[in-house]
Amino acid sequence: AARGACGGALYNCVFGIDDNGGVCQCTNCTAPIKTRDGTFITPKDNHGLFYSAAYYTYLNQLDDALQKVWPGYVTSTFAYFFAAPYPEIPVNKTISPQLCLYVRKSMNEPVFAPANQHWWKYYNAWARHTDKLMHYDYYNLGFILKPHADVHKFDLQAQRDIGYLRNYSEGFSSNEYLGAAGERWVMARLTWNPDQDTE
C-alpha cells in the first residue's frame, strides 16, 4: 500500500484478473449470482456480465477486509475483459478501478466515437460510482506510425470532463526509429494539458 494522490487515502493498484479472459469453470465459480434487481444470472445467460459480477463479489469481500485494517483504503484493480463493465451487483464505494480499453474497436477514433460507444458507456458508469477513476491504455504500444496523439487528446479531454483521477499508457521503444518519438512527446505533453494544439 502507498499513500498517494487520492486525498491522502491509502490506495493500491495490484489486485486484478490475469492478462487474459480465462475463468474457473467449477461448480462454485459458476453458481448463479443475484443481481441488484433481484434476478439471477449464470455464465450461460451472459458470460461477461456474470464474470463481472463474480469478480466484483470477490473484490467487495477483499475490500471489506481491507477496510477493517485501513479505513478509507482505495481498492483498485486493472479493469479489462469482463472486469471492465460496471457489474450488475452493488460495488463498495471504496473500490475504484483502473479501466483498460482492451480490446478497443478503433484506436484511431476517440473513446466517445460510435465505434467505441461501449467503452464510453463503461467510462460513465464507473465515473458515477467513484471520483477516483483511473485509466490504463495502450496508446504507446506498437505505434507503427499510427496518429495516436490526436485521439489521445480527445480521450484525455473526455476523461477530464467526467472526473478521471489519472491516466497511464503501456508502451515500448522498439520502433522509435520509425518516427514515433515525436508522437510520444506530444502525447506526454497532452497528459499535462489536453487543450494544447497537437500540431
Protein backbone atom coordinates (compact mmCIF):
# COMPACT_ATOMS: atom_id res chain seq x y z
CA ALA A 1 0.00 0.00 0.00
CA ALA A 2 1.14 3.53 -0.66
CA ARG A 3 -0.04 6.94 0.45
CA GLY A 4 -0.66 8.90 -2.70
CA ALA A 5 -2.66 11.46 -4.60
CA CYS A 6 -6.09 10.23 -3.54
CA GLY A 7 -6.68 12.91 -0.94
CA GLY A 8 -4.23 11.27 1.44
CA ALA A 9 -6.12 7.97 1.28
CA LEU A 10 -4.32 4.67 1.09
CA TYR A 11 -4.53 3.02 -2.30
CA ASN A 12 -3.06 0.03 -4.12
CA CYS A 13 -3.29 -0.97 -7.78
CA VAL A 14 -2.15 -4.58 -7.50
CA PHE A 15 -5.36 -6.59 -7.50
CA GLY A 16 -6.71 -7.83 -10.80
CA ILE A 17 -7.54 -10.59 -13.17
CA ASP A 18 -4.79 -12.29 -15.13
CA ASP A 19 -3.84 -10.83 -18.51
CA ASN A 20 -6.37 -12.98 -20.35
CA GLY A 21 -10.04 -13.92 -20.30
CA GLY A 22 -9.59 -17.30 -18.62
CA VAL A 23 -12.07 -18.16 -15.86
CA CYS A 24 -12.66 -21.05 -13.50
CA GLN A 25 -15.49 -23.40 -14.54
CA CYS A 26 -16.00 -25.21 -11.24
CA THR A 27 -19.44 -25.53 -9.65
CA ASN A 28 -18.76 -22.84 -7.03
CA CYS A 29 -17.45 -20.32 -9.56
CA THR A 30 -20.38 -20.81 -11.94
CA ALA A 31 -23.17 -20.74 -9.33
CA PRO A 32 -25.93 -18.22 -10.08
CA ILE A 33 -25.35 -14.68 -8.77
CA LYS A 34 -28.13 -12.44 -7.54
CA THR A 35 -28.09 -9.04 -9.26
CA ARG A 36 -29.11 -5.71 -7.76
CA ASP A 37 -32.60 -6.00 -9.32
CA GLY A 38 -33.16 -9.37 -7.62
CA THR A 39 -32.74 -11.59 -10.68
CA PHE A 40 -30.08 -14.28 -11.02
CA ILE A 41 -27.50 -14.60 -13.79
CA THR A 42 -25.31 -17.51 -14.85
CA PRO A 43 -22.42 -17.79 -17.31
CA LYS A 44 -24.87 -19.17 -19.88
CA ASP A 45 -27.12 -16.11 -19.58
CA ASN A 46 -24.39 -13.54 -20.17
CA HIS A 47 -20.76 -14.63 -19.86
CA GLY A 48 -19.29 -11.12 -19.49
CA LEU A 49 -21.83 -9.74 -17.03
CA PHE A 50 -21.74 -12.92 -14.96
CA TYR A 51 -17.97 -12.88 -14.53
CA SER A 52 -18.00 -9.14 -13.90
CA ALA A 53 -20.43 -9.76 -11.02
CA ALA A 54 -18.36 -12.73 -9.80
CA TYR A 55 -15.14 -10.74 -9.86
CA TYR A 56 -16.55 -7.72 -8.02
CA THR A 57 -18.22 -10.01 -5.47
CA TYR A 58 -14.70 -11.25 -4.69
CA LEU A 59 -13.26 -7.71 -4.74
CA ASN A 60 -16.03 -6.46 -2.39
CA GLN A 61 -15.02 -9.17 0.11
CA LEU A 62 -11.36 -8.28 -0.22
CA ASP A 63 -12.18 -4.59 0.22
CA ASP A 64 -14.33 -5.33 3.29
CA ALA A 65 -11.32 -7.00 4.92
CA LEU A 66 -9.01 -4.13 3.95
CA GLN A 67 -11.40 -1.51 5.35
CA LYS A 68 -11.23 -3.19 8.78
CA VAL A 69 -7.47 -2.66 8.87
CA TRP A 70 -7.15 0.56 6.82
CA PRO A 71 -10.42 2.54 6.83
CA GLY A 72 -10.66 4.61 3.66
CA TYR A 73 -8.29 2.40 1.69
CA VAL A 74 -8.97 2.70 -2.06
CA THR A 75 -9.05 -0.79 -3.51
CA SER A 76 -8.14 -0.67 -7.17
CA THR A 77 -7.94 -3.23 -9.94
CA PHE A 78 -6.99 -3.49 -13.57
CA ALA A 79 -10.41 -3.47 -15.23
CA TYR A 80 -10.33 -5.06 -18.63
CA PHE A 81 -12.05 -8.03 -20.27
CA PHE A 82 -15.01 -8.96 -18.01
CA ALA A 83 -13.82 -6.63 -15.21
CA ALA A 84 -14.45 -3.51 -17.34
CA PRO A 85 -18.27 -3.32 -17.43
CA TYR A 86 -19.94 -1.91 -14.35
CA PRO A 87 -21.28 -5.05 -12.64
CA GLU A 88 -24.90 -5.97 -12.01
CA ILE A 89 -24.26 -6.11 -8.26
CA PRO A 90 -23.65 -3.39 -5.65
CA VAL A 91 -19.96 -2.39 -5.56
CA ASN A 92 -18.24 -0.94 -2.48
CA LYS A 93 -17.69 2.81 -2.81
CA THR A 94 -14.05 2.32 -1.81
CA ILE A 95 -13.42 0.27 -4.98
CA SER A 96 -12.03 2.37 -7.81
CA PRO A 97 -10.90 0.52 -10.95
CA GLN A 98 -8.19 1.34 -13.43
CA LEU A 99 -10.18 0.98 -16.66
CA CYS A 100 -8.31 -0.57 -19.56
CA LEU A 101 -9.84 -0.19 -23.03
CA TYR A 102 -8.74 -3.57 -24.30
CA VAL A 103 -9.94 -4.65 -26.78
CA ARG A 104 -10.87 -1.29 -28.32
CA LYS A 105 -12.60 -1.42 -31.71
CA SER A 106 -10.80 1.65 -33.06
CA MET A 107 -7.61 3.20 -31.72
CA ASN A 108 -7.92 5.88 -34.41
CA GLU A 109 -11.20 7.27 -33.04
CA PRO A 110 -11.94 8.83 -29.63
CA VAL A 111 -13.50 6.76 -26.89
CA PHE A 112 -16.83 8.53 -27.38
CA ALA A 113 -16.94 7.83 -31.15
CA PRO A 114 -19.67 5.47 -32.43
CA ALA A 115 -17.16 2.61 -32.88
CA ASN A 116 -16.16 2.80 -29.20
CA GLN A 117 -19.53 3.56 -27.59
CA HIS A 118 -19.48 0.50 -25.31
CA TRP A 119 -16.31 1.87 -23.71
CA TRP A 120 -17.85 5.32 -23.33
CA LYS A 121 -20.73 3.64 -21.53
CA TYR A 122 -18.26 1.92 -19.16
CA TYR A 123 -16.43 5.23 -18.57
CA ASN A 124 -19.61 6.96 -17.50
CA ALA A 125 -20.97 4.12 -15.37
CA TRP A 126 -17.75 3.92 -13.35
CA ALA A 127 -17.45 7.73 -13.16
CA ARG A 128 -20.85 7.78 -11.45
CA HIS A 129 -19.52 5.22 -8.95
CA THR A 130 -16.23 6.89 -7.95
CA ASP A 131 -14.34 10.16 -8.15
CA LYS A 132 -11.01 8.28 -8.13
CA LEU A 133 -11.35 6.59 -11.51
CA MET A 134 -8.09 5.71 -13.23
CA HIS A 135 -7.21 4.77 -16.80
CA TYR A 136 -4.74 2.29 -18.26
CA ASP A 137 -4.28 2.02 -22.01
CA TYR A 138 -2.01 1.05 -24.89
CA TYR A 139 -1.59 4.34 -26.75
CA ASN A 140 2.19 3.91 -26.71
CA LEU A 141 2.28 0.22 -27.59
CA GLY A 142 3.14 -0.80 -31.15
CA PHE A 143 2.91 2.61 -32.80
CA ILE A 144 3.78 1.74 -36.40
CA LEU A 145 3.18 5.38 -37.31
CA LYS A 146 -0.45 5.47 -36.20
CA PRO A 147 -1.53 9.06 -35.41
CA HIS A 148 -2.42 8.47 -31.76
CA ALA A 149 -1.80 11.98 -30.39
CA ASP A 150 -4.97 13.50 -31.84
CA VAL A 151 -7.12 10.67 -30.46
CA HIS A 152 -5.25 10.78 -27.15
CA LYS A 153 -6.12 14.48 -26.86
CA PHE A 154 -9.86 13.82 -27.26
CA ASP A 155 -9.72 10.88 -24.85
CA LEU A 156 -7.90 12.92 -22.20
CA GLN A 157 -10.40 15.77 -22.52
CA ALA A 158 -13.29 13.32 -22.14
CA GLN A 159 -11.65 11.70 -19.11
CA ARG A 160 -11.05 15.09 -17.51
CA ASP A 161 -14.63 16.18 -18.15
CA ILE A 162 -16.10 13.17 -16.32
CA GLY A 163 -13.64 13.34 -13.42
CA TYR A 164 -10.84 10.86 -14.03
CA LEU A 165 -8.04 10.93 -11.46
CA ARG A 166 -5.15 9.68 -13.61
CA ASN A 167 -4.11 8.21 -16.97
CA TYR A 168 -1.35 5.76 -17.84
CA SER A 169 -0.22 4.12 -21.07
CA GLU A 170 1.80 0.98 -21.58
CA GLY A 171 4.43 1.17 -24.31
CA PHE A 172 7.84 0.20 -25.59
CA SER A 173 10.59 1.89 -27.61
CA SER A 174 11.45 -0.80 -30.16
CA ASN A 175 10.05 1.15 -33.11
CA GLU A 176 11.20 4.66 -32.25
CA TYR A 177 13.28 4.62 -35.43
CA LEU A 178 10.03 4.72 -37.42
CA GLY A 179 9.47 8.28 -36.29
CA ALA A 180 7.13 7.66 -33.36
CA ALA A 181 9.25 9.56 -30.82
CA GLY A 182 7.68 12.89 -31.77
CA GLU A 183 4.20 11.45 -31.44
CA ARG A 184 5.05 10.14 -27.96
CA TRP A 185 6.48 13.53 -26.95
CA VAL A 186 3.24 15.28 -27.96
CA MET A 187 1.19 12.68 -26.06
CA ALA A 188 3.26 13.19 -22.91
CA ARG A 189 2.71 16.96 -23.14
CA LEU A 190 -1.03 16.44 -23.67
CA THR A 191 -1.23 14.46 -20.44
CA TRP A 192 -0.32 17.68 -18.60
CA ASN A 193 -2.67 19.83 -20.67
CA PRO A 194 -5.01 18.16 -23.18
CA ASP A 195 -6.15 21.51 -24.57
CA GLN A 196 -2.88 22.07 -26.41
CA ASP A 197 -2.69 22.06 -30.22
CA THR A 198 -1.22 18.74 -31.33
CA GLU A 199 0.41 20.40 -34.32
